């Protein structure tokens, strides 16, 4: 697992695409931070959870980009079959690839702590709110990356993998809005409980850490990784 992790993480930093992603990521987060800071002058305190909250939507598109090549590229080039003939378990392959993507996302997230340092230097933000929001978006990101990894394993076409995972993630994000407009209260509650936003926007984003939300994101990660392992295992026997 460690060898796969190092190889895949190195692939991110050996590719110009990774640096373009980082540049675009920091450009967007910088715009969000600067806009909120400018708007807050003389009107309200800056929102310490602004970047994590906006990232909850941005991950619908970022997660597929970070994961689409992990299995699809190896399947298309035939290197996955070679890897499966080696004395390595499917679990190690899947976890190594997933952790490399999650680590890259974590690095991006850590860079945005620069903005929190700026807030601390000019105001007194609620650090508990900040920690909860960042922990929430870190778990949220892991769940979206798990979904992206699953679809990368299901196809050898990177574009198709990105499209399918984006579609599912958009549904899981928009499902929160659907739950707000459904007339049947019980149905609306069920819809909201299965969405990503339903376990982030009303808890972590407001500085609240609830066990059920942590369990939800951990469950999504566990389920998607388990399914990915089964998909990879099926390729071994083809």
Protein backbone atom coordinates (compact mmCIF):
# COMPACT_ATOMS: atom_id res chain seq x y z
CA UNK A 1 0.00 0.00 0.00
CA UNK A 2 2.81 2.37 0.88
CA UNK A 3 4.54 1.75 -2.47
CA UNK A 4 1.30 2.39 -4.40
CA UNK A 5 0.65 5.50 -2.29
CA UNK A 6 4.09 6.97 -2.98
CA UNK A 7 3.87 6.17 -6.69
CA UNK A 8 0.44 7.78 -7.13
CA UNK A 9 1.25 10.84 -5.02
CA UNK A 10 4.41 11.30 -7.06
CA UNK A 11 2.32 11.12 -10.23
CA UNK A 12 0.33 14.13 -9.06
CA UNK A 13 3.42 16.27 -8.59
CA UNK A 14 5.15 14.98 -11.72
CA UNK A 15 2.25 16.14 -13.86
CA UNK A 16 1.70 19.76 -14.93
CA UNK A 17 -2.02 19.14 -14.47
CA UNK A 18 -1.53 18.97 -10.69
CA UNK A 19 0.06 22.41 -10.62
CA UNK A 20 -2.69 23.81 -12.83
CA UNK A 21 -5.24 22.36 -10.40
CA UNK A 22 -3.38 23.90 -7.45
CA UNK A 23 -3.16 27.28 -9.19
CA UNK A 24 -6.86 27.27 -10.09
CA UNK A 25 -7.77 26.08 -6.60
CA UNK A 26 -5.82 28.86 -4.90
CA UNK A 27 -7.13 31.45 -7.35
CA UNK A 28 -10.73 30.53 -6.55
CA UNK A 29 -10.24 30.30 -2.80
CA UNK A 30 -8.35 33.61 -2.87
CA UNK A 31 -11.27 35.26 -4.67
CA UNK A 32 -13.75 33.85 -2.14
CA UNK A 33 -11.65 35.01 0.79
CA UNK A 34 -10.96 38.48 -0.60
CA UNK A 35 -14.60 39.04 -1.54
CA UNK A 36 -15.85 38.03 1.91
CA UNK A 37 -13.19 40.12 3.64
CA UNK A 38 -14.06 43.19 1.55
CA UNK A 39 -17.79 42.73 2.14
CA UNK A 40 -17.28 42.20 5.87
CA UNK A 41 -15.53 45.53 6.52
CA UNK A 42 -17.80 47.53 8.79
CA UNK A 43 -20.77 45.18 8.36
CA UNK A 44 -20.06 41.78 9.90
CA UNK A 45 -17.30 39.49 11.10
CA UNK A 46 -15.54 37.46 8.37
CA UNK A 47 -16.87 33.94 7.99
CA UNK A 48 -14.18 31.41 9.07
CA UNK A 49 -16.11 28.60 7.33
CA UNK A 50 -16.48 30.41 3.99
CA UNK A 51 -13.84 28.40 2.12
CA UNK A 52 -14.92 24.97 3.44
CA UNK A 53 -18.56 25.80 2.65
CA UNK A 54 -17.79 26.86 -0.93
CA UNK A 55 -15.54 23.82 -1.37
CA UNK A 56 -18.52 21.58 -0.58
CA UNK A 57 -19.87 22.51 -4.03
CA UNK A 58 -16.48 22.76 -5.77
CA UNK A 59 -15.64 19.16 -4.78
CA UNK A 60 -18.40 17.97 -7.13
CA UNK A 61 -15.99 18.86 -9.94
CA UNK A 62 -12.58 18.64 -8.27
CA UNK A 63 -12.92 15.08 -6.93
CA UNK A 64 -13.57 13.53 -10.38
CA UNK A 65 -10.56 15.38 -11.81
CA UNK A 66 -8.31 14.07 -9.04
CA UNK A 67 -9.49 10.46 -9.31
CA UNK A 68 -10.45 9.87 -12.95
CA UNK A 69 -7.01 8.57 -14.00
CA UNK A 70 -6.23 6.40 -10.96
CA UNK A 71 -7.70 3.18 -12.35
CA UNK A 72 -9.05 4.17 -15.78
CA UNK A 73 -5.62 5.07 -17.13
CA UNK A 74 -4.01 1.87 -15.88
CA UNK A 75 -6.87 -0.21 -17.30
CA UNK A 76 -6.59 1.46 -20.71
CA UNK A 77 -2.81 1.04 -20.85
CA UNK A 78 -2.91 -2.54 -19.57
CA UNK A 79 -0.68 -1.85 -16.56
CA UNK A 80 -3.44 -2.76 -14.10
CA UNK A 81 -3.32 -6.39 -15.27
CA UNK A 82 0.43 -6.42 -14.65
CA UNK A 83 -0.11 -4.97 -11.19
CA UNK A 84 -2.72 -7.60 -10.38
CA UNK A 85 -0.30 -10.40 -11.28
CA UNK A 86 2.10 -9.14 -8.63
CA UNK A 87 1.88 -10.49 -5.06
CA UNK A 88 -0.20 -7.56 -3.88
CA UNK A 89 -3.70 -7.48 -2.42
CA UNK A 90 -6.54 -5.55 -4.02
CA UNK A 91 -7.02 -3.76 -0.70
CA UNK A 92 -3.49 -2.40 -0.81
CA UNK A 93 -3.92 -1.15 -4.38
CA UNK A 94 -7.23 0.57 -3.70
CA UNK A 95 -6.19 2.09 -0.37
CA UNK A 96 -2.87 3.28 -1.78
CA UNK A 97 -4.56 5.08 -4.65
CA UNK A 98 -7.33 6.52 -2.48
CA UNK A 99 -4.97 7.78 0.21
CA UNK A 100 -2.76 9.45 -2.41
CA UNK A 101 -5.75 11.42 -3.75
CA UNK A 102 -6.92 12.27 -0.23
CA UNK A 103 -3.39 13.35 0.71
CA UNK A 104 -3.19 15.65 -2.32
CA UNK A 105 -6.54 17.17 -1.39
CA UNK A 106 -5.36 17.55 2.22
CA UNK A 107 -2.31 19.48 0.99
CA UNK A 108 -4.58 21.84 -0.94
CA UNK A 109 -6.72 22.26 2.16
CA UNK A 110 -3.73 22.95 4.39
CA UNK A 111 -2.55 25.72 2.06
CA UNK A 112 -5.85 27.55 2.58
CA UNK A 113 -5.03 27.83 6.30
CA UNK A 114 -3.02 30.87 5.21
CA UNK A 115 -6.35 32.69 4.98
CA UNK A 116 -7.21 31.68 8.53
CA UNK A 117 -3.88 33.09 9.66
CA UNK A 118 -4.79 36.39 8.01
CA UNK A 119 -8.16 36.40 9.79
CA UNK A 120 -6.49 35.78 13.15
CA UNK A 121 -4.13 38.70 12.52
CA UNK A 122 -6.96 41.17 11.86
CA UNK A 123 -9.84 39.82 13.95
CA UNK A 124 -10.78 37.19 16.52
CA UNK A 125 -12.50 34.38 14.61
CA UNK A 126 -14.13 31.45 16.39
CA UNK A 127 -11.39 28.81 16.23
CA UNK A 128 -13.86 26.06 17.18
CA UNK A 129 -15.99 27.02 14.18
CA UNK A 130 -12.93 26.97 11.94
CA UNK A 131 -11.73 23.56 13.15
CA UNK A 132 -15.18 21.99 12.76
CA UNK A 133 -15.61 23.40 9.23
CA UNK A 134 -12.20 22.18 8.09
CA UNK A 135 -12.68 18.74 9.64
CA UNK A 136 -16.05 18.51 7.93
CA UNK A 137 -14.79 19.44 4.48
CA UNK A 138 -11.83 17.07 4.91
CA UNK A 139 -14.24 14.17 5.54
CA UNK A 140 -16.56 15.48 2.81
CA UNK A 141 -13.64 15.51 0.39
CA UNK A 142 -12.71 11.94 1.31
CA UNK A 143 -16.27 10.81 0.56
CA UNK A 144 -16.31 12.53 -2.85
CA UNK A 145 -12.90 11.06 -3.71
CA UNK A 146 -14.21 7.60 -2.80
CA UNK A 147 -17.06 8.03 -5.28
CA UNK A 148 -14.65 9.22 -7.97
CA UNK A 149 -12.31 6.28 -7.37
CA UNK A 150 -15.17 3.80 -7.74
CA UNK A 151 -16.15 5.12 -11.17
CA UNK A 152 -12.52 5.24 -12.27
CA UNK A 153 -12.35 1.51 -11.52
CA UNK A 154 -15.54 0.81 -13.47
CA UNK A 155 -14.33 2.15 -16.82
CA UNK A 156 -11.14 2.57 -18.81
CA UNK A 157 -12.24 5.96 -20.17
CA UNK A 158 -11.09 8.82 -17.96
CA UNK A 159 -13.60 11.29 -19.37
CA UNK A 160 -16.47 8.87 -18.82
CA UNK A 161 -15.27 8.17 -15.28
CA UNK A 162 -15.18 11.91 -14.55
CA UNK A 163 -18.63 12.44 -16.07
CA UNK A 164 -20.26 9.60 -14.14
CA UNK A 165 -18.74 10.58 -10.81
CA UNK A 166 -19.63 14.26 -11.37
CA UNK A 167 -23.23 13.26 -12.12
CA UNK A 168 -23.53 11.18 -8.94
CA UNK A 169 -21.85 13.83 -6.80
CA UNK A 170 -24.09 16.54 -8.27
CA UNK A 171 -27.11 14.42 -7.36
CA UNK A 172 -25.81 13.95 -3.82
CA UNK A 173 -25.26 17.71 -3.56
CA UNK A 174 -28.54 18.79 -5.18
CA UNK A 175 -30.48 16.22 -3.17
CA UNK A 176 -30.27 18.61 -0.25
CA UNK A 177 -32.24 21.18 -2.25
CA UNK A 178 -34.76 18.55 -3.31
CA UNK A 179 -35.33 17.67 0.32
CA UNK A 180 -36.18 21.31 1.01
CA UNK A 181 -38.96 21.51 -1.60
CA UNK A 182 -40.59 18.07 -1.30
CA UNK A 183 -44.04 18.44 0.25
CA UNK A 184 -43.89 15.16 2.16
CA UNK A 185 -41.88 15.86 5.33
CA UNK A 186 -40.84 12.26 5.90
CA UNK A 187 -39.68 11.86 2.30
CA UNK A 188 -37.85 15.17 2.45
CA UNK A 189 -36.06 14.05 5.61
CA UNK A 190 -35.00 10.76 3.98
CA UNK A 191 -33.72 12.54 0.88
CA UNK A 192 -31.74 14.97 2.98
CA UNK A 193 -30.22 12.24 5.10
CA UNK A 194 -28.60 10.56 2.09
CA UNK A 195 -27.05 13.76 0.69
CA UNK A 196 -23.57 15.08 1.28
CA UNK A 197 -24.77 18.61 2.01
CA UNK A 198 -27.34 17.34 4.50
CA UNK A 199 -24.47 16.21 6.73
CA UNK A 200 -22.30 19.29 6.26
CA UNK A 201 -24.24 22.51 5.67
CA UNK A 202 -26.23 22.43 8.92
CA UNK A 203 -23.53 21.06 11.19
CA UNK A 204 -19.85 21.35 10.29
CA UNK A 205 -20.41 24.59 8.36
CA UNK A 206 -21.84 26.15 11.53
CA UNK A 207 -19.15 24.83 13.84
CA UNK A 208 -21.08 21.77 15.04
CA UNK A 209 -19.53 18.30 15.09
CA UNK A 210 -22.14 15.54 15.31
CA UNK A 211 -21.35 11.86 15.54
CA UNK A 212 -23.96 10.91 12.93
CA UNK A 213 -22.34 13.21 10.36
CA UNK A 214 -18.87 11.78 10.98
CA UNK A 215 -20.33 8.26 10.70
CA UNK A 216 -22.09 9.19 7.43
CA UNK A 217 -18.92 10.40 5.71
CA UNK A 218 -16.88 7.50 7.10
CA UNK A 219 -19.59 5.14 5.85
CA UNK A 220 -19.55 6.61 2.34
CA UNK A 221 -15.77 6.22 2.22
CA UNK A 222 -15.92 2.63 3.51
CA UNK A 223 -18.70 1.58 1.11
CA UNK A 224 -17.11 3.12 -1.99
CA UNK A 225 -13.71 1.60 -1.16
CA UNK A 226 -15.29 -1.80 -0.54
CA UNK A 227 -17.09 -1.68 -3.89
CA UNK A 228 -13.90 -0.54 -5.63
CA UNK A 229 -12.03 -3.49 -4.14
CA UNK A 230 -14.68 -5.87 -5.47
CA UNK A 231 -14.44 -4.29 -8.94
CA UNK A 232 -10.64 -4.62 -8.96
CA UNK A 233 -10.90 -8.18 -7.66
CA UNK A 234 -13.26 -9.06 -10.52
CA UNK A 235 -10.63 -7.87 -13.00
CA UNK A 236 -8.11 -10.29 -11.52
CA UNK A 237 -10.30 -13.25 -12.51
CA UNK A 238 -11.17 -12.08 -16.02
